[in-house]
Amino acid sequence: MDDAATCPSLRLATSDEASALKDLEKAANLVALAHVFPADQYPYPDADVLARWRDVLADPGTTTLVGEDEQGLTCFVAFDALRLRHLGVRPDLWGSGLAAVAFEASTATRLWCLEANHRARRFYARHGWQATGVSRTSEFPPFPVEVEYHRA
């Protein structure tokens, strides 16, 4: 798939897009992280994720960019002066190069990634990011380990 066809440009997200961002993040996570957060044991925390997106969109120190097509949002990237906070692509567009387009729009130099998110970790490594050796516990049950990366 051609990057230009799936995301000709990124634009700033608006404050009324918190729900759409939550829905896109949920769609991607239910596929990519089903082995970490089995839906039958750990229902998706819709209310918490929606509240987090509202906070992110209201934070003047955070930039949130989105791509869209006729079906809605295609991708998002949220970052502040130091950290990449969120990156996601609609599952039907995985492998299109869209993640790289969104990722490269970020100026962040650090990020956290679930240790068991092997697809994302391979992506970050391909783009020159390296694990710092620092880890922490995730905020959502079953509280998996997150690892920190930095831009090499």
N, C-alpha and C. Protein backbone atom coordinates (compact mmCIF):
# COMPACT_ATOMS: atom_id res chain seq x y z
N MET A 1 0.83 -1.18 0.00
CA MET A 1 0.00 0.00 0.00
C MET A 1 0.88 1.25 0.00
N ASP A 2 0.46 2.25 -0.68
CA ASP A 2 1.22 3.49 -0.78
C ASP A 2 0.94 4.40 0.42
N ASP A 3 2.00 4.87 1.08
CA ASP A 3 1.84 5.77 2.23
C ASP A 3 0.98 6.97 1.88
N ALA A 4 1.21 7.56 0.74
CA ALA A 4 0.47 8.76 0.36
C ALA A 4 -1.02 8.47 0.21
N ALA A 5 -1.35 7.26 -0.21
CA ALA A 5 -2.76 6.91 -0.36
C ALA A 5 -3.43 6.71 0.98
N THR A 6 -2.72 6.17 1.96
CA THR A 6 -3.33 5.88 3.26
C THR A 6 -3.26 7.07 4.20
N CYS A 7 -2.31 7.96 4.00
CA CYS A 7 -2.16 9.10 4.91
C CYS A 7 -1.44 10.22 4.20
N PRO A 8 -2.16 10.95 3.33
CA PRO A 8 -1.48 12.00 2.58
C PRO A 8 -0.87 13.06 3.49
N SER A 9 -1.46 13.27 4.65
CA SER A 9 -0.89 14.21 5.59
C SER A 9 -1.44 13.92 6.97
N LEU A 10 -0.69 14.33 7.95
CA LEU A 10 -1.15 14.24 9.32
C LEU A 10 -1.65 15.63 9.71
N ARG A 11 -2.60 15.67 10.60
CA ARG A 11 -3.11 16.94 11.09
C ARG A 11 -3.22 16.87 12.60
N LEU A 12 -3.31 18.03 13.22
CA LEU A 12 -3.50 18.07 14.66
C LEU A 12 -4.87 17.50 15.01
N ALA A 13 -4.90 16.64 16.02
CA ALA A 13 -6.17 16.12 16.51
C ALA A 13 -6.92 17.25 17.22
N THR A 14 -8.22 17.16 17.20
CA THR A 14 -9.04 18.15 17.90
C THR A 14 -9.52 17.56 19.22
N SER A 15 -9.92 18.44 20.12
CA SER A 15 -10.34 18.00 21.46
C SER A 15 -11.56 17.10 21.42
N ASP A 16 -12.36 17.16 20.36
CA ASP A 16 -13.55 16.32 20.29
C ASP A 16 -13.28 14.94 19.67
N GLU A 17 -12.01 14.61 19.45
CA GLU A 17 -11.67 13.31 18.87
C GLU A 17 -11.21 12.27 19.89
N ALA A 18 -11.38 12.54 21.17
CA ALA A 18 -10.94 11.59 22.19
C ALA A 18 -11.61 10.22 22.00
N SER A 19 -12.88 10.20 21.72
CA SER A 19 -13.59 8.93 21.56
C SER A 19 -13.09 8.17 20.33
N ALA A 20 -12.87 8.87 19.23
CA ALA A 20 -12.35 8.22 18.02
C ALA A 20 -10.94 7.68 18.25
N LEU A 21 -10.13 8.41 19.00
CA LEU A 21 -8.78 7.94 19.33
C LEU A 21 -8.83 6.71 20.22
N LYS A 22 -9.73 6.72 21.20
CA LYS A 22 -9.91 5.55 22.07
C LYS A 22 -10.34 4.35 21.25
N ASP A 23 -11.27 4.54 20.32
CA ASP A 23 -11.76 3.44 19.49
C ASP A 23 -10.67 2.87 18.60
N LEU A 24 -9.84 3.74 18.01
CA LEU A 24 -8.74 3.26 17.18
C LEU A 24 -7.71 2.52 18.02
N GLU A 25 -7.37 3.07 19.17
CA GLU A 25 -6.42 2.39 20.05
C GLU A 25 -6.96 1.03 20.48
N LYS A 26 -8.23 0.96 20.80
CA LYS A 26 -8.85 -0.30 21.21
C LYS A 26 -8.78 -1.32 20.07
N ALA A 27 -9.14 -0.91 18.86
CA ALA A 27 -9.12 -1.83 17.72
C ALA A 27 -7.73 -2.42 17.52
N ALA A 28 -6.71 -1.58 17.62
CA ALA A 28 -5.34 -2.07 17.44
C ALA A 28 -4.91 -2.96 18.60
N ASN A 29 -5.23 -2.55 19.82
CA ASN A 29 -4.79 -3.33 20.99
C ASN A 29 -5.48 -4.68 21.09
N LEU A 30 -6.76 -4.76 20.72
CA LEU A 30 -7.45 -6.04 20.81
C LEU A 30 -6.83 -7.08 19.88
N VAL A 31 -6.19 -6.64 18.82
CA VAL A 31 -5.50 -7.55 17.91
C VAL A 31 -4.04 -7.76 18.34
N ALA A 32 -3.32 -6.67 18.49
CA ALA A 32 -1.87 -6.75 18.73
C ALA A 32 -1.52 -7.26 20.12
N LEU A 33 -2.37 -7.01 21.09
CA LEU A 33 -2.01 -7.33 22.47
C LEU A 33 -2.95 -8.36 23.11
N ALA A 34 -3.64 -9.13 22.29
CA ALA A 34 -4.55 -10.15 22.82
C ALA A 34 -3.81 -11.17 23.68
N HIS A 35 -2.54 -11.42 23.39
CA HIS A 35 -1.76 -12.37 24.19
C HIS A 35 -1.34 -11.78 25.54
N VAL A 36 -1.39 -10.47 25.67
CA VAL A 36 -1.02 -9.80 26.92
C VAL A 36 -2.26 -9.50 27.76
N PHE A 37 -3.31 -9.04 27.09
CA PHE A 37 -4.56 -8.66 27.76
C PHE A 37 -5.71 -9.48 27.17
N PRO A 38 -5.82 -10.79 27.49
CA PRO A 38 -6.92 -11.58 26.94
C PRO A 38 -8.27 -10.94 27.29
N ALA A 39 -9.07 -10.64 26.28
CA ALA A 39 -10.32 -9.89 26.48
C ALA A 39 -11.29 -10.59 27.42
N ASP A 40 -11.26 -11.92 27.46
CA ASP A 40 -12.17 -12.64 28.35
C ASP A 40 -11.77 -12.51 29.82
N GLN A 41 -10.51 -12.19 30.07
CA GLN A 41 -10.02 -12.02 31.44
C GLN A 41 -9.86 -10.55 31.82
N TYR A 42 -9.53 -9.71 30.84
CA TYR A 42 -9.24 -8.30 31.09
C TYR A 42 -9.99 -7.46 30.06
N PRO A 43 -11.25 -7.16 30.33
CA PRO A 43 -12.00 -6.32 29.38
C PRO A 43 -11.28 -5.00 29.13
N TYR A 44 -11.40 -4.51 27.92
CA TYR A 44 -10.73 -3.27 27.56
C TYR A 44 -11.22 -2.14 28.46
N PRO A 45 -10.30 -1.35 29.02
CA PRO A 45 -10.67 -0.27 29.96
C PRO A 45 -11.13 1.00 29.23
N ASP A 46 -12.26 0.89 28.54
CA ASP A 46 -12.76 1.99 27.71
C ASP A 46 -12.79 3.34 28.45
N ALA A 47 -13.38 3.37 29.63
CA ALA A 47 -13.53 4.64 30.36
C ALA A 47 -12.17 5.23 30.73
N ASP A 48 -11.24 4.39 31.18
CA ASP A 48 -9.91 4.88 31.56
C ASP A 48 -9.14 5.39 30.36
N VAL A 49 -9.23 4.67 29.25
CA VAL A 49 -8.50 5.09 28.04
C VAL A 49 -9.12 6.36 27.46
N LEU A 50 -10.44 6.47 27.50
CA LEU A 50 -11.10 7.69 27.03
C LEU A 50 -10.67 8.88 27.89
N ALA A 51 -10.65 8.70 29.20
CA ALA A 51 -10.21 9.78 30.10
C ALA A 51 -8.76 10.16 29.82
N ARG A 52 -7.91 9.17 29.57
CA ARG A 52 -6.51 9.45 29.26
C ARG A 52 -6.40 10.25 27.97
N TRP A 53 -7.17 9.88 26.93
CA TRP A 53 -7.12 10.64 25.67
C TRP A 53 -7.61 12.07 25.87
N ARG A 54 -8.63 12.25 26.70
CA ARG A 54 -9.09 13.62 26.97
C ARG A 54 -7.98 14.43 27.63
N ASP A 55 -7.27 13.81 28.56
CA ASP A 55 -6.15 14.49 29.22
C ASP A 55 -5.03 14.81 28.23
N VAL A 56 -4.71 13.86 27.37
CA VAL A 56 -3.64 14.05 26.38
C VAL A 56 -4.01 15.21 25.45
N LEU A 57 -5.24 15.21 24.97
CA LEU A 57 -5.67 16.27 24.04
C LEU A 57 -5.74 17.64 24.70
N ALA A 58 -5.96 17.67 26.01
CA ALA A 58 -6.03 18.94 26.74
C ALA A 58 -4.66 19.44 27.18
N ASP A 59 -3.65 18.60 27.11
CA ASP A 59 -2.31 18.95 27.59
C ASP A 59 -1.61 19.83 26.56
N PRO A 60 -1.33 21.10 26.89
CA PRO A 60 -0.68 21.99 25.92
C PRO A 60 0.76 21.58 25.58
N GLY A 61 1.36 20.72 26.39
CA GLY A 61 2.72 20.26 26.12
C GLY A 61 2.79 19.01 25.27
N THR A 62 1.64 18.50 24.87
CA THR A 62 1.58 17.28 24.07
C THR A 62 0.99 17.59 22.71
N THR A 63 1.62 17.06 21.68
CA THR A 63 1.11 17.17 20.31
C THR A 63 0.51 15.83 19.92
N THR A 64 -0.70 15.86 19.40
CA THR A 64 -1.35 14.66 18.89
C THR A 64 -1.69 14.89 17.44
N LEU A 65 -1.13 14.04 16.59
CA LEU A 65 -1.38 14.10 15.15
C LEU A 65 -2.17 12.87 14.74
N VAL A 66 -3.05 13.04 13.75
CA VAL A 66 -3.84 11.93 13.24
C VAL A 66 -3.84 11.95 11.72
N GLY A 67 -4.05 10.77 11.17
CA GLY A 67 -4.32 10.61 9.75
C GLY A 67 -5.74 10.11 9.62
N GLU A 68 -6.35 10.33 8.48
CA GLU A 68 -7.71 9.85 8.30
C GLU A 68 -7.99 9.55 6.84
N ASP A 69 -9.00 8.73 6.64
CA ASP A 69 -9.49 8.43 5.30
C ASP A 69 -11.01 8.40 5.37
N GLU A 70 -11.65 7.91 4.34
CA GLU A 70 -13.12 7.91 4.30
C GLU A 70 -13.76 7.04 5.38
N GLN A 71 -12.98 6.12 5.98
CA GLN A 71 -13.51 5.26 7.04
C GLN A 71 -13.28 5.85 8.44
N GLY A 72 -12.54 6.92 8.54
CA GLY A 72 -12.26 7.53 9.84
C GLY A 72 -10.77 7.66 10.07
N LEU A 73 -10.38 7.66 11.34
CA LEU A 73 -8.96 7.80 11.67
C LEU A 73 -8.18 6.57 11.21
N THR A 74 -7.01 6.83 10.66
CA THR A 74 -6.13 5.74 10.20
C THR A 74 -4.97 5.51 11.16
N CYS A 75 -4.54 6.59 11.83
CA CYS A 75 -3.37 6.49 12.70
C CYS A 75 -3.35 7.65 13.67
N PHE A 76 -2.53 7.49 14.70
CA PHE A 76 -2.30 8.59 15.63
C PHE A 76 -0.88 8.49 16.16
N VAL A 77 -0.35 9.64 16.52
CA VAL A 77 0.91 9.72 17.23
C VAL A 77 0.79 10.90 18.20
N ALA A 78 1.09 10.64 19.47
CA ALA A 78 1.05 11.68 20.49
C ALA A 78 2.41 11.72 21.17
N PHE A 79 2.95 12.93 21.33
CA PHE A 79 4.28 13.06 21.90
C PHE A 79 4.42 14.41 22.59
N ASP A 80 5.33 14.44 23.56
CA ASP A 80 5.68 15.71 24.20
C ASP A 80 7.15 15.98 23.89
N ALA A 81 7.74 16.90 24.60
CA ALA A 81 9.12 17.30 24.30
C ALA A 81 10.11 16.15 24.48
N LEU A 82 9.79 15.17 25.29
CA LEU A 82 10.71 14.07 25.57
C LEU A 82 10.20 12.72 25.08
N ARG A 83 8.94 12.42 25.31
CA ARG A 83 8.43 11.07 25.12
C ARG A 83 7.40 10.93 24.01
N LEU A 84 7.52 9.83 23.30
CA LEU A 84 6.47 9.36 22.43
C LEU A 84 5.46 8.70 23.36
N ARG A 85 4.28 9.24 23.43
CA ARG A 85 3.30 8.76 24.40
C ARG A 85 2.37 7.71 23.81
N HIS A 86 1.98 7.86 22.54
CA HIS A 86 1.04 6.92 21.92
C HIS A 86 1.31 6.87 20.42
N LEU A 87 1.24 5.67 19.87
CA LEU A 87 1.38 5.47 18.43
C LEU A 87 0.45 4.32 18.07
N GLY A 88 -0.37 4.50 17.07
CA GLY A 88 -1.26 3.43 16.66
C GLY A 88 -1.70 3.58 15.22
N VAL A 89 -2.03 2.43 14.63
CA VAL A 89 -2.50 2.37 13.25
C VAL A 89 -3.69 1.42 13.21
N ARG A 90 -4.69 1.76 12.44
CA ARG A 90 -5.85 0.89 12.27
C ARG A 90 -5.39 -0.46 11.73
N PRO A 91 -5.84 -1.56 12.32
CA PRO A 91 -5.32 -2.88 11.94
C PRO A 91 -5.41 -3.22 10.45
N ASP A 92 -6.42 -2.75 9.75
CA ASP A 92 -6.51 -3.06 8.31
C ASP A 92 -5.43 -2.36 7.50
N LEU A 93 -4.70 -1.44 8.12
CA LEU A 93 -3.63 -0.71 7.43
C LEU A 93 -2.24 -1.12 7.91
N TRP A 94 -2.16 -2.11 8.78
CA TRP A 94 -0.85 -2.58 9.24
C TRP A 94 -0.04 -3.05 8.03
N GLY A 95 1.24 -2.75 8.05
CA GLY A 95 2.12 -3.14 6.96
C GLY A 95 2.11 -2.15 5.80
N SER A 96 1.37 -1.06 5.92
CA SER A 96 1.26 -0.09 4.83
C SER A 96 2.36 0.97 4.84
N GLY A 97 3.13 1.03 5.93
CA GLY A 97 4.12 2.09 6.07
C GLY A 97 3.57 3.28 6.83
N LEU A 98 2.30 3.23 7.18
CA LEU A 98 1.66 4.33 7.87
C LEU A 98 2.24 4.56 9.26
N ALA A 99 2.60 3.51 9.96
CA ALA A 99 3.21 3.68 11.30
C ALA A 99 4.50 4.50 11.19
N ALA A 100 5.29 4.23 10.17
CA ALA A 100 6.55 4.96 9.99
C ALA A 100 6.28 6.45 9.70
N VAL A 101 5.25 6.73 8.92
CA VAL A 101 4.89 8.12 8.62
C VAL A 101 4.54 8.85 9.92
N ALA A 102 3.69 8.23 10.73
CA ALA A 102 3.30 8.85 12.00
C ALA A 102 4.47 8.94 12.95
N PHE A 103 5.23 7.87 13.04
CA PHE A 103 6.36 7.79 13.96
C PHE A 103 7.40 8.87 13.66
N GLU A 104 7.70 9.07 12.41
CA GLU A 104 8.73 10.04 12.03
C GLU A 104 8.26 11.48 12.24
N ALA A 105 6.98 11.69 12.42
CA ALA A 105 6.47 13.03 12.70
C ALA A 105 6.77 13.45 14.15
N SER A 106 7.10 12.48 14.98
CA SER A 106 7.38 12.76 16.39
C SER A 106 8.80 13.29 16.57
N THR A 107 8.94 14.20 17.51
CA THR A 107 10.27 14.72 17.86
C THR A 107 10.79 14.09 19.16
N ALA A 108 10.05 13.15 19.71
CA ALA A 108 10.39 12.53 20.99
C ALA A 108 11.69 11.72 20.89
N THR A 109 12.34 11.58 22.03
CA THR A 109 13.58 10.80 22.09
C THR A 109 13.48 9.61 23.04
N ARG A 110 12.35 9.44 23.70
CA ARG A 110 12.13 8.32 24.63
C ARG A 110 10.71 7.79 24.45
N LEU A 111 10.52 6.52 24.79
CA LEU A 111 9.20 5.92 24.78
C LEU A 111 9.17 4.70 25.68
N TRP A 112 7.97 4.28 26.06
CA TRP A 112 7.75 3.04 26.79
C TRP A 112 6.97 2.10 25.89
N CYS A 113 7.31 0.81 25.96
CA CYS A 113 6.66 -0.20 25.15
C CYS A 113 6.49 -1.45 25.99
N LEU A 114 5.36 -2.12 25.85
CA LEU A 114 5.18 -3.38 26.56
C LEU A 114 6.26 -4.37 26.12
N GLU A 115 6.86 -5.01 27.07
CA GLU A 115 7.91 -5.98 26.78
C GLU A 115 7.40 -7.08 25.85
N ALA A 116 6.14 -7.48 26.01
CA ALA A 116 5.56 -8.54 25.20
C ALA A 116 4.95 -8.04 23.89
N ASN A 117 5.11 -6.77 23.56
CA ASN A 117 4.62 -6.23 22.30
C ASN A 117 5.72 -6.37 21.25
N HIS A 118 5.90 -7.59 20.82
CA HIS A 118 7.02 -7.94 19.94
C HIS A 118 6.98 -7.20 18.60
N ARG A 119 5.79 -7.03 18.05
CA ARG A 119 5.66 -6.32 16.78
C ARG A 119 6.17 -4.88 16.92
N ALA A 120 5.74 -4.19 17.97
CA ALA A 120 6.17 -2.80 18.18
C ALA A 120 7.66 -2.73 18.46
N ARG A 121 8.17 -3.66 19.24
CA ARG A 121 9.60 -3.63 19.57
C ARG A 121 10.46 -3.83 18.32
N ARG A 122 10.03 -4.70 17.42
CA ARG A 122 10.76 -4.87 16.15
C ARG A 122 10.70 -3.59 15.34
N PHE A 123 9.54 -2.95 15.31
CA PHE A 123 9.37 -1.70 14.59
C PHE A 123 10.32 -0.64 15.12
N TYR A 124 10.36 -0.46 16.45
CA TYR A 124 11.24 0.55 17.04
C TYR A 124 12.70 0.24 16.74
N ALA A 125 13.09 -1.00 16.84
CA ALA A 125 14.48 -1.38 16.56
C ALA A 125 14.83 -1.07 15.09
N ARG A 126 13.92 -1.37 14.16
CA ARG A 126 14.17 -1.07 12.74
C ARG A 126 14.34 0.43 12.50
N HIS A 127 13.77 1.24 13.36
CA HIS A 127 13.85 2.69 13.21
C HIS A 127 14.95 3.30 14.08
N GLY A 128 15.86 2.47 14.58
CA GLY A 128 17.04 2.97 15.26
C GLY A 128 16.89 3.24 16.74
N TRP A 129 15.80 2.83 17.35
CA TRP A 129 15.62 3.02 18.78
C TRP A 129 16.24 1.84 19.52
N GLN A 130 16.72 2.11 20.73
CA GLN A 130 17.37 1.07 21.54
C GLN A 130 16.77 1.04 22.94
N ALA A 131 16.67 -0.17 23.48
CA ALA A 131 16.20 -0.32 24.86
C ALA A 131 17.23 0.28 25.81
N THR A 132 16.76 0.95 26.85
CA THR A 132 17.66 1.60 27.82
C THR A 132 18.05 0.67 28.96
N GLY A 133 17.30 -0.44 29.12
CA GLY A 133 17.52 -1.32 30.26
C GLY A 133 16.65 -0.98 31.44
N VAL A 134 15.85 0.09 31.32
CA VAL A 134 14.94 0.50 32.38
C VAL A 134 13.57 -0.12 32.11
N SER A 135 12.92 -0.62 33.16
CA SER A 135 11.59 -1.19 33.00
C SER A 135 10.69 -0.71 34.14
N ARG A 136 9.39 -0.90 33.94
CA ARG A 136 8.39 -0.55 34.94
C ARG A 136 7.16 -1.42 34.71
N THR A 137 6.22 -1.33 35.62
CA THR A 137 4.98 -2.08 35.50
C THR A 137 3.93 -1.23 34.79
N SER A 138 3.19 -1.85 33.90
CA SER A 138 2.12 -1.17 33.18
C SER A 138 0.99 -0.76 34.13
N GLU A 139 0.20 0.23 33.70
CA GLU A 139 -0.88 0.74 34.54
C GLU A 139 -2.14 -0.11 34.53
N PHE A 140 -2.29 -1.04 33.59
CA PHE A 140 -3.52 -1.83 33.46
C PHE A 140 -3.28 -3.30 33.79
N PRO A 141 -4.25 -3.96 34.47
CA PRO A 141 -4.14 -5.39 34.77
C PRO A 141 -3.99 -6.17 33.48
N PRO A 142 -3.16 -7.19 33.49
CA PRO A 142 -2.45 -7.84 34.59
C PRO A 142 -1.10 -7.20 34.91
N PHE A 143 -0.93 -5.95 34.58
CA PHE A 143 0.26 -5.15 34.91
C PHE A 143 1.56 -5.73 34.32
N PRO A 144 1.56 -5.93 32.99
CA PRO A 144 2.77 -6.44 32.35
C PRO A 144 3.91 -5.43 32.40
N VAL A 145 5.09 -5.91 32.12
CA VAL A 145 6.30 -5.09 32.15
C VAL A 145 6.37 -4.22 30.89
N GLU A 146 6.76 -2.97 31.09
CA GLU A 146 7.06 -2.05 29.98
C GLU A 146 8.55 -1.80 30.00
N VAL A 147 9.12 -1.64 28.82
CA VAL A 147 10.55 -1.33 28.70
C VAL A 147 10.69 0.03 28.03
N GLU A 148 11.72 0.75 28.44
CA GLU A 148 11.98 2.09 27.89
C GLU A 148 12.92 1.98 26.70
N TYR A 149 12.67 2.82 25.71
CA TYR A 149 13.53 2.94 24.53
C TYR A 149 13.97 4.39 24.39
N HIS A 150 15.10 4.58 23.72
CA HIS A 150 15.54 5.93 23.38
C HIS A 150 16.01 5.94 21.94
N ARG A 151 15.95 7.12 21.36
CA ARG A 151 16.42 7.29 19.99
C ARG A 151 17.93 7.25 19.98
N ALA A 152 18.48 6.37 19.19
CA ALA A 152 19.93 6.20 19.16
C ALA A 152 20.61 7.41 18.57
